[in-house]
Amino acid sequence: MTEPVRNESLLSRRPILDQHQELVGYELTLLAAVDAGSSGLARSRASMLVCAAYAELGIRSALGRTKAFLPVDTDFLHDDAIEALPPDGVVLELFLDAAPDARTLERCRALRERRYVLALGDYAGLDERSRPLLVMVSIVKIDIRRYDDATLRELAGPLVRLPLKLLAQGVATQEAMERCRTIGFQLFEGNYFAHPEIVSGRRLTSSQTRLMQLINLASRDADTVRIEEEFKREPALAVNLLRIVNSVGNGAVQRISSLRHAITLLGRRQLQRWLQLLLMTPFGKVPDASRSPLLQVAALRGRMMEMLIEHKHPGDHKLADQAFITGIMSMMPAALGLPMNEIFEQITLEPEIMRALSLHDGTLGKMLALIECFDDENIAGCDRLLDELPGLDRDLLNVCLMESLRWINGSEE
């Protein structure tokens, strides 16, 4: 990608989940790289730019165990550059405007022999375009927004008996996901997992309440002995604490003499961050943002906001810490099913963070609004907020996204 293209484009990532609601990968596209009503030539260029971004931004290492779903049209399919993509790191989504000719079919067979995974995009039923490709693709993608349930069943019915997976595109709600799963879909694309039902007065579990108490103690810099006593009341939490301390030990196993020692080794800043992530996971499990889509969004928001603050306000470590917490906390209503004002009543937060979360006020609030627009593919909103935050641009957003993914997945270039 050339510098002008990087500054003109935003990297869109649409999460793809499996039947267990674990993250499988992201469909990657570039927003505003070309005009919406572009010609076939421009569409091909868009495909090439996405693949160039994949290489230049180090997306393979950033995605860890998950895959990048990349759009490929007929022209780019025949380009030698496609073979520079790692077969084990990508899914090639075929978007063909017409029935494939013999040369295209032979190219698909050759890519399969090289162990590339092929997916068929924009499936609209058995026709001259799709029929010869069904024996070569591993995934068939259907945009569920275009069809009612009856038509969707007619489309999916003949495919569920084939050795391939159906991917539902445009899943906006949990209800829609469940309908698709009943029909036979196995993969789901969309942000539905981040929009569960919010119920005022929802009763939290005792474990969630305990975690909130620990978060408050860590944020208030309470005595280590007091924090240790809370951990002792929850053995599963204590075990996870020992695990996380060893996991950040740079490969060296820590000889831990007590829970108090573990808390000291981890540090209050890291302890608070870990507890907030743990609040979004089923109790007793170690947070794994590489598999949990909700955790991934929360951790991404936190880390991206932290990096943007470090870029704009270098040396302001307090503001950077506040930025991370703001990003994590922005996903807490989705995780707990509670409105933000009720979460404020249970978790002690600094006034600047509360204003950012409730009013998008101040530098933190504008940063959060920027990340939210980025998540929603709202280009106009991103540009407006970038104008209000001098020193930041689209290229920096893309780079911060990749660096944050790399941080979450614990991978290096």
Protein backbone atom coordinates (compact mmCIF):
# COMPACT_ATOMS: atom_id res chain seq x y z
CA MET A 1 0.00 0.00 0.00
CA THR A 2 1.32 3.43 -0.87
CA GLU A 3 1.17 6.18 1.73
CA PRO A 4 -1.72 8.06 0.00
CA VAL A 5 -3.83 4.91 -0.12
CA ARG A 6 -3.15 4.17 3.54
CA ASN A 7 -4.27 7.65 4.51
CA GLU A 8 -7.38 7.44 2.29
CA SER A 9 -8.53 4.03 3.51
CA LEU A 10 -9.83 2.50 6.70
CA LEU A 11 -9.38 -1.20 7.28
CA SER A 12 -12.76 -2.76 7.98
CA ARG A 13 -12.85 -6.00 9.98
CA ARG A 14 -16.10 -7.92 10.28
CA PRO A 15 -15.87 -10.72 12.86
CA ILE A 16 -16.79 -14.27 11.85
CA LEU A 17 -17.90 -16.67 14.59
CA ASP A 18 -18.54 -20.41 14.66
CA GLN A 19 -21.43 -22.35 16.23
CA HIS A 20 -19.75 -22.16 19.63
CA GLN A 21 -19.63 -18.36 19.31
CA GLU A 22 -15.86 -18.40 19.17
CA LEU A 23 -13.92 -16.13 16.86
CA VAL A 24 -12.85 -17.83 13.61
CA GLY A 25 -11.52 -14.79 11.79
CA TYR A 26 -12.31 -11.44 10.19
CA GLU A 27 -13.52 -10.46 6.75
CA LEU A 28 -11.16 -7.67 5.76
CA THR A 29 -12.09 -4.87 3.38
CA LEU A 30 -10.83 -1.34 2.76
CA LEU A 31 -13.38 1.43 3.20
CA ALA A 32 -13.21 4.44 0.87
CA ALA A 33 -10.33 2.98 -1.13
CA VAL A 34 -12.54 3.17 -4.22
CA ASP A 35 -15.93 4.65 -5.02
CA ALA A 36 -18.98 2.54 -4.19
CA GLY A 37 -20.24 2.58 -7.78
CA SER A 38 -16.87 1.57 -9.19
CA SER A 39 -16.11 -0.41 -12.31
CA GLY A 40 -14.79 -3.95 -12.44
CA LEU A 41 -11.25 -2.60 -12.78
CA ALA A 42 -11.61 -0.53 -9.61
CA ARG A 43 -13.14 -3.49 -7.79
CA SER A 44 -10.13 -5.59 -8.73
CA ARG A 45 -7.84 -2.84 -7.48
CA ALA A 46 -9.71 -2.86 -4.18
CA SER A 47 -9.02 -6.60 -3.83
CA MET A 48 -5.34 -6.04 -4.51
CA LEU A 49 -5.18 -3.23 -1.96
CA VAL A 50 -6.68 -5.43 0.74
CA CYS A 51 -4.03 -8.06 0.07
CA ALA A 52 -1.33 -5.39 0.03
CA ALA A 53 -2.59 -4.19 3.42
CA TYR A 54 -2.47 -7.80 4.66
CA ALA A 55 1.24 -7.94 3.85
CA GLU A 56 2.25 -4.41 4.79
CA LEU A 57 0.44 -4.22 8.14
CA GLY A 58 1.54 -7.68 9.22
CA ILE A 59 -2.01 -8.95 9.52
CA ARG A 60 -1.03 -12.62 9.58
CA SER A 61 0.92 -12.30 12.83
CA ALA A 62 -1.67 -9.92 14.25
CA LEU A 63 -4.55 -12.36 13.77
CA GLY A 64 -2.80 -15.20 15.58
CA ARG A 65 -4.82 -18.42 15.26
CA THR A 66 -7.72 -16.78 13.41
CA LYS A 67 -7.95 -16.29 9.64
CA ALA A 68 -8.35 -13.33 7.32
CA PHE A 69 -11.25 -13.65 4.86
CA LEU A 70 -10.13 -11.68 1.79
CA PRO A 71 -12.34 -10.67 -1.18
CA VAL A 72 -11.05 -11.89 -4.54
CA ASP A 73 -12.53 -11.08 -7.94
CA THR A 74 -11.79 -12.77 -11.28
CA ASP A 75 -8.93 -10.45 -12.25
CA PHE A 76 -7.09 -10.74 -8.96
CA LEU A 77 -7.70 -14.50 -8.86
CA HIS A 78 -5.33 -14.87 -11.82
CA ASP A 79 -2.70 -12.52 -10.43
CA ASP A 80 0.53 -14.17 -9.28
CA ALA A 81 0.52 -11.90 -6.21
CA ILE A 82 -2.22 -14.02 -4.67
CA GLU A 83 0.30 -16.82 -4.10
CA ALA A 84 2.27 -14.61 -1.74
CA LEU A 85 -0.59 -14.99 0.75
CA PRO A 86 -0.10 -17.77 3.34
CA PRO A 87 -2.53 -20.66 2.68
CA ASP A 88 -2.94 -21.35 6.38
CA GLY A 89 -3.75 -17.73 7.23
CA VAL A 90 -6.39 -16.71 4.70
CA VAL A 91 -9.72 -17.66 3.18
CA LEU A 92 -10.14 -16.47 -0.41
CA GLU A 93 -13.71 -15.21 -0.96
CA LEU A 94 -14.58 -15.51 -4.64
CA PHE A 95 -16.78 -12.74 -6.03
CA LEU A 96 -17.44 -13.60 -9.66
CA ASP A 97 -19.86 -11.59 -11.80
CA ALA A 98 -20.38 -14.33 -14.39
CA ALA A 99 -20.06 -18.06 -14.90
CA PRO A 100 -16.43 -19.14 -14.46
CA ASP A 101 -14.62 -20.12 -17.65
CA ALA A 102 -12.24 -23.08 -17.96
CA ARG A 103 -9.22 -20.95 -17.07
CA THR A 104 -10.86 -19.71 -13.84
CA LEU A 105 -11.89 -23.22 -12.82
CA GLU A 106 -8.38 -24.49 -13.42
CA ARG A 107 -6.99 -21.64 -11.30
CA CYS A 108 -9.35 -22.57 -8.45
CA ARG A 109 -8.25 -26.21 -8.66
CA ALA A 110 -4.60 -25.15 -8.57
CA LEU A 111 -5.16 -22.97 -5.49
CA ARG A 112 -6.94 -25.82 -3.73
CA GLU A 113 -3.98 -28.09 -4.45
CA ARG A 114 -1.80 -25.46 -2.77
CA ARG A 115 -4.09 -25.81 0.29
CA TYR A 116 -5.84 -22.45 -0.05
CA VAL A 117 -9.34 -22.38 1.42
CA LEU A 118 -11.89 -21.02 -1.06
CA ALA A 119 -15.25 -19.47 -0.23
CA LEU A 120 -18.04 -18.49 -2.60
CA GLY A 121 -19.46 -15.04 -1.89
CA ASP A 122 -22.85 -13.59 -2.85
CA TYR A 123 -24.49 -17.00 -3.25
CA ALA A 124 -28.01 -16.61 -4.67
CA GLY A 125 -28.87 -20.19 -5.62
CA LEU A 126 -27.73 -22.86 -8.06
CA ASP A 127 -26.91 -21.26 -11.41
CA GLU A 128 -24.18 -21.21 -14.04
CA ARG A 129 -21.98 -19.11 -11.78
CA SER A 130 -22.21 -21.20 -8.61
CA ARG A 131 -22.76 -24.80 -9.78
CA PRO A 132 -19.20 -25.54 -11.07
CA LEU A 133 -17.63 -23.91 -7.99
CA LEU A 134 -19.52 -25.81 -5.29
CA VAL A 135 -17.21 -28.82 -5.65
CA MET A 136 -14.17 -26.59 -5.03
CA VAL A 137 -15.19 -24.27 -2.20
CA SER A 138 -15.20 -25.05 1.52
CA ILE A 139 -17.50 -22.19 2.49
CA VAL A 140 -20.61 -20.67 0.89
CA LYS A 141 -21.61 -17.20 1.99
CA ILE A 142 -25.23 -15.95 1.91
CA ASP A 143 -26.30 -12.42 2.80
CA ILE A 144 -29.32 -13.11 5.02
CA ARG A 145 -30.51 -9.49 4.80
CA ARG A 146 -31.69 -10.12 1.24
CA TYR A 147 -34.06 -12.99 1.99
CA ASP A 148 -36.99 -13.91 4.20
CA ASP A 149 -36.81 -17.11 6.26
CA ALA A 150 -38.63 -19.25 3.70
CA THR A 151 -36.36 -18.20 0.84
CA LEU A 152 -33.31 -18.62 3.06
CA ARG A 153 -34.32 -22.21 3.80
CA GLU A 154 -34.75 -22.88 0.09
CA LEU A 155 -31.27 -21.52 -0.62
CA ALA A 156 -29.56 -23.34 2.24
CA GLY A 157 -31.46 -26.63 1.98
CA PRO A 158 -29.59 -28.18 -0.97
CA LEU A 159 -26.22 -27.10 0.51
CA VAL A 160 -26.43 -28.47 4.05
CA ARG A 161 -25.84 -32.01 2.76
CA LEU A 162 -22.65 -31.00 0.95
CA PRO A 163 -19.17 -31.14 2.57
CA LEU A 164 -18.97 -27.40 3.09
CA LYS A 165 -19.91 -24.76 5.65
CA LEU A 166 -22.61 -22.13 5.27
CA LEU A 167 -21.69 -18.61 6.36
CA ALA A 168 -24.49 -16.18 7.23
CA GLN A 169 -23.55 -12.60 6.36
CA GLY A 170 -25.24 -9.60 7.98
CA VAL A 171 -26.26 -11.21 11.28
CA ALA A 172 -27.38 -8.27 13.44
CA THR A 173 -29.06 -9.94 16.43
CA GLN A 174 -28.80 -13.06 18.59
CA GLU A 175 -32.28 -14.02 17.37
CA ALA A 176 -31.16 -13.89 13.73
CA MET A 177 -28.11 -15.99 14.57
CA GLU A 178 -30.29 -18.66 16.22
CA ARG A 179 -32.61 -18.74 13.17
CA CYS A 180 -29.65 -19.22 10.88
CA ARG A 181 -28.22 -21.96 13.07
CA THR A 182 -31.56 -23.79 12.94
CA ILE A 183 -31.52 -23.58 9.13
CA GLY A 184 -28.04 -25.12 8.99
CA PHE A 185 -25.55 -22.25 9.00
CA GLN A 186 -22.29 -22.96 10.83
CA LEU A 187 -20.50 -19.61 10.52
CA PHE A 188 -21.88 -16.16 11.32
CA GLU A 189 -20.62 -12.71 10.32
CA GLY A 190 -21.69 -9.64 12.25
CA ASN A 191 -21.50 -7.75 15.54
CA TYR A 192 -24.62 -9.34 17.05
CA PHE A 193 -22.61 -10.66 20.01
CA ALA A 194 -21.94 -7.09 21.15
CA HIS A 195 -25.63 -6.12 21.35
CA PRO A 196 -27.33 -8.41 23.89
CA GLU A 197 -30.46 -7.37 25.74
CA ILE A 198 -29.85 -4.66 28.35
CA VAL A 199 -32.13 -5.07 31.38
CA SER A 200 -32.23 -2.52 34.19
CA GLY A 201 -31.97 -4.13 37.60
CA ARG A 202 -30.60 -7.42 36.26
CA ARG A 203 -29.31 -9.58 39.11
CA LEU A 204 -25.60 -10.33 38.88
CA THR A 205 -24.11 -13.64 39.99
CA SER A 206 -22.21 -13.79 43.27
CA SER A 207 -19.00 -14.33 41.28
CA GLN A 208 -19.58 -11.19 39.22
CA THR A 209 -20.27 -9.24 42.41
CA ARG A 210 -17.03 -10.53 43.91
CA LEU A 211 -15.11 -9.49 40.82
CA MET A 212 -16.57 -6.00 41.03
CA GLN A 213 -15.45 -5.79 44.65
CA LEU A 214 -11.92 -6.78 43.63
CA ILE A 215 -11.90 -4.24 40.78
CA ASN A 216 -12.90 -1.53 43.24
CA LEU A 217 -10.20 -2.58 45.71
CA ALA A 218 -7.54 -2.54 42.97
CA SER A 219 -8.65 0.84 41.63
CA ARG A 220 -8.64 2.35 45.13
CA ASP A 221 -5.12 0.97 45.73
CA ALA A 222 -6.37 -0.95 48.76
CA ASP A 223 -3.97 -2.83 51.00
CA THR A 224 -2.62 -6.03 49.42
CA VAL A 225 -3.75 -8.07 52.43
CA ARG A 226 -7.33 -6.89 51.89
CA ILE A 227 -7.22 -7.90 48.22
CA GLU A 228 -5.70 -11.25 49.17
CA GLU A 229 -8.60 -11.95 51.54
CA GLU A 230 -11.10 -11.45 48.70
CA PHE A 231 -9.19 -13.86 46.49
CA LYS A 232 -9.16 -16.46 49.24
CA ARG A 233 -12.97 -16.46 49.22
CA GLU A 234 -12.96 -17.47 45.53
CA PRO A 235 -10.57 -20.43 44.97
CA ALA A 236 -11.16 -20.43 41.18
CA LEU A 237 -10.11 -16.79 41.02
CA ALA A 238 -7.03 -17.53 43.08
CA VAL A 239 -5.99 -20.32 40.70
CA ASN A 240 -6.47 -18.06 37.69
CA LEU A 241 -4.40 -15.36 39.39
CA LEU A 242 -1.50 -17.78 39.75
CA ARG A 243 -1.86 -18.78 36.09
CA ILE A 244 -1.86 -15.21 34.83
CA VAL A 245 1.19 -14.29 36.91
CA ASN A 246 3.14 -17.15 35.35
CA SER A 247 1.89 -16.27 31.86
CA VAL A 248 3.43 -12.78 32.09
CA GLY A 249 6.72 -14.06 33.44
CA ASN A 250 8.52 -13.88 30.07
CA GLY A 251 8.85 -17.65 29.90
CA ALA A 252 10.33 -18.05 33.39
CA VAL A 253 8.17 -19.89 35.92
CA GLN A 254 7.63 -17.66 38.94
CA ARG A 255 8.17 -19.28 42.34
CA ILE A 256 5.16 -17.81 44.11
CA SER A 257 5.08 -18.05 47.89
CA SER A 258 1.56 -16.69 48.48
CA LEU A 259 -1.41 -14.98 46.87
CA ARG A 260 -0.06 -11.74 48.28
CA HIS A 261 3.19 -12.38 46.43
CA ALA A 262 1.28 -13.05 43.19
CA ILE A 263 -0.68 -9.80 43.53
CA THR A 264 2.56 -7.89 44.06
CA LEU A 265 4.25 -9.52 41.07
CA LEU A 266 1.34 -8.74 38.77
CA GLY A 267 1.02 -5.12 39.90
CA ARG A 268 -2.12 -3.08 40.54
CA ARG A 269 -2.41 -1.74 36.98
CA GLN A 270 -2.28 -5.19 35.41
CA LEU A 271 -4.47 -6.66 38.15
CA GLN A 272 -7.23 -4.13 37.47
CA ARG A 273 -7.08 -4.72 33.70
CA TRP A 274 -7.15 -8.50 34.10
CA LEU A 275 -10.11 -8.39 36.51
CA GLN A 276 -12.10 -6.21 34.11
CA LEU A 277 -11.52 -8.68 31.28
CA LEU A 278 -12.34 -11.58 33.60
CA LEU A 279 -15.71 -9.96 34.32
CA MET A 280 -16.65 -10.60 30.68
CA THR A 281 -15.86 -14.33 30.74
CA PRO A 282 -17.69 -17.35 32.18
CA PHE A 283 -16.60 -17.72 35.77
CA GLY A 284 -13.63 -19.99 36.33
CA LYS A 285 -12.19 -19.52 32.84
CA VAL A 286 -9.04 -17.64 31.92
CA PRO A 287 -9.83 -14.69 29.62
CA ASP A 288 -8.91 -15.56 26.03
CA ALA A 289 -9.53 -12.60 23.75
CA SER A 290 -8.25 -14.58 20.78
CA ARG A 291 -11.39 -16.76 20.94
CA SER A 292 -14.03 -14.60 22.65
CA PRO A 293 -15.38 -11.94 20.24
CA LEU A 294 -16.69 -9.75 23.06
CA LEU A 295 -13.36 -9.88 24.87
CA GLN A 296 -11.58 -9.12 21.62
CA VAL A 297 -13.63 -5.97 21.03
CA ALA A 298 -13.13 -4.84 24.63
CA ALA A 299 -9.38 -5.49 24.63
CA LEU A 300 -9.01 -3.92 21.17
CA ARG A 301 -10.81 -0.78 22.25
CA GLY A 302 -8.74 -0.52 25.39
CA ARG A 303 -5.39 -1.07 23.71
CA MET A 304 -6.19 1.14 20.69
CA MET A 305 -7.29 4.01 22.91
CA GLU A 306 -4.15 3.60 25.00
CA MET A 307 -1.93 3.68 21.91
CA LEU A 308 -3.70 6.71 20.43
CA ILE A 309 -3.28 8.62 23.70
CA GLU A 310 0.41 7.63 23.85
CA HIS A 311 0.79 9.03 20.33
CA LYS A 312 -1.11 12.24 20.98
CA HIS A 313 0.01 12.83 24.58
CA PRO A 314 3.40 11.11 24.96
CA GLY A 315 4.48 10.70 28.57
CA ASP A 316 0.98 11.09 30.04
CA HIS A 317 0.84 7.61 31.59
CA LYS A 318 -2.20 8.37 33.74
CA LEU A 319 -4.27 9.42 30.73
CA ALA A 320 -3.09 6.33 28.82
CA ASP A 321 -4.21 4.09 31.70
CA GLN A 322 -7.55 5.87 31.81
CA ALA A 323 -7.91 5.37 28.05
CA PHE A 324 -7.41 1.61 28.37
CA ILE A 325 -9.99 1.35 31.16
CA THR A 326 -12.44 3.49 29.18
CA GLY A 327 -12.17 1.15 26.19
CA ILE A 328 -12.67 -1.96 28.32
CA MET A 329 -15.58 -0.46 30.24
CA SER A 330 -17.38 0.62 27.06
CA MET A 331 -18.19 -3.06 26.44
CA MET A 332 -19.32 -3.80 30.00
CA PRO A 333 -23.05 -3.20 29.32
CA ALA A 334 -22.91 -5.82 26.56
CA ALA A 335 -21.02 -8.24 28.84
CA LEU A 336 -23.25 -7.83 31.89
CA GLY A 337 -26.57 -6.90 30.26
CA LEU A 338 -26.78 -3.82 32.47
CA PRO A 339 -27.12 -0.13 31.54
CA MET A 340 -23.99 1.93 32.13
CA ASN A 341 -25.50 4.01 34.95
CA GLU A 342 -26.09 0.85 37.02
CA ILE A 343 -22.54 -0.31 36.37
CA PHE A 344 -21.30 3.06 37.67
CA GLU A 345 -23.10 2.30 40.94
CA GLN A 346 -21.09 -0.89 41.38
CA ILE A 347 -17.63 -0.11 40.00
CA THR A 348 -15.62 2.89 41.17
CA LEU A 349 -14.32 4.90 38.24
CA GLU A 350 -12.59 8.26 37.94
CA PRO A 351 -14.87 11.16 36.90
CA GLU A 352 -13.06 11.61 33.55
CA ILE A 353 -13.77 7.98 32.64
CA MET A 354 -17.41 8.23 33.67
CA ARG A 355 -17.94 11.36 31.58
CA ALA A 356 -16.27 9.71 28.60
CA LEU A 357 -18.49 6.63 28.87
CA SER A 358 -21.77 8.44 29.49
CA LEU A 359 -21.35 11.69 27.54
CA HIS A 360 -18.36 11.10 25.19
CA ASP A 361 -16.93 14.17 26.92
CA GLY A 362 -13.32 15.32 26.90
CA THR A 363 -10.32 13.77 25.17
CA LEU A 364 -11.21 10.28 26.40
CA GLY A 365 -14.78 10.69 25.20
CA LYS A 366 -13.71 11.79 21.72
CA MET A 367 -11.25 8.88 21.52
CA LEU A 368 -13.99 6.45 22.50
CA ALA A 369 -16.38 7.95 19.95
CA LEU A 370 -13.66 7.59 17.30
CA ILE A 371 -13.11 3.90 18.10
CA GLU A 372 -16.87 3.29 18.11
CA CYS A 373 -17.18 4.88 14.65
CA PHE A 374 -14.26 2.76 13.48
CA ASP A 375 -16.00 -0.40 14.76
CA ASP A 376 -19.24 0.64 13.03
CA GLU A 377 -17.49 1.42 9.69
CA ASN A 378 -18.74 4.99 10.01
CA ILE A 379 -16.20 6.77 7.78
CA ALA A 380 -17.81 10.21 8.04
CA GLY A 381 -17.88 9.95 11.83
CA CYS A 382 -14.22 8.88 11.91
CA ASP A 383 -13.16 11.80 9.71
CA ARG A 384 -15.12 14.31 11.80
CA LEU A 385 -13.49 13.09 15.02
CA LEU A 386 -10.02 12.89 13.47
CA ASP A 387 -10.41 16.58 12.58
CA GLU A 388 -11.14 17.25 16.26
CA LEU A 389 -8.08 15.24 17.34
CA PRO A 390 -5.09 16.81 15.54
CA GLY A 391 -2.16 14.46 15.03
CA LEU A 392 -4.32 11.41 14.35
CA ASP A 393 -5.24 10.08 10.90
CA ARG A 394 -6.65 7.02 9.13
CA ASP A 395 -3.25 5.43 8.68
CA LEU A 396 -2.56 5.63 12.42
CA LEU A 397 -5.93 4.00 13.13
CA ASN A 398 -5.07 1.09 10.83
CA VAL A 399 -1.61 0.66 12.36
CA CYS A 400 -2.98 0.83 15.92
CA LEU A 401 -5.59 -1.80 15.02
CA MET A 402 -2.92 -4.23 13.83
CA GLU A 403 -0.59 -3.52 16.74
CA SER A 404 -3.48 -4.01 19.17
CA LEU A 405 -4.46 -7.33 17.58
CA ARG A 406 -0.83 -8.42 17.78
CA TRP A 407 -0.73 -7.45 21.46
CA ILE A 408 -3.94 -9.38 22.21
CA ASN A 409 -2.70 -12.50 20.43
CA GLY A 410 0.73 -12.27 22.02
CA SER A 411 2.38 -12.52 18.60
CA GLU A 412 5.37 -10.72 17.18
CA GLU A 413 6.47 -9.72 13.72
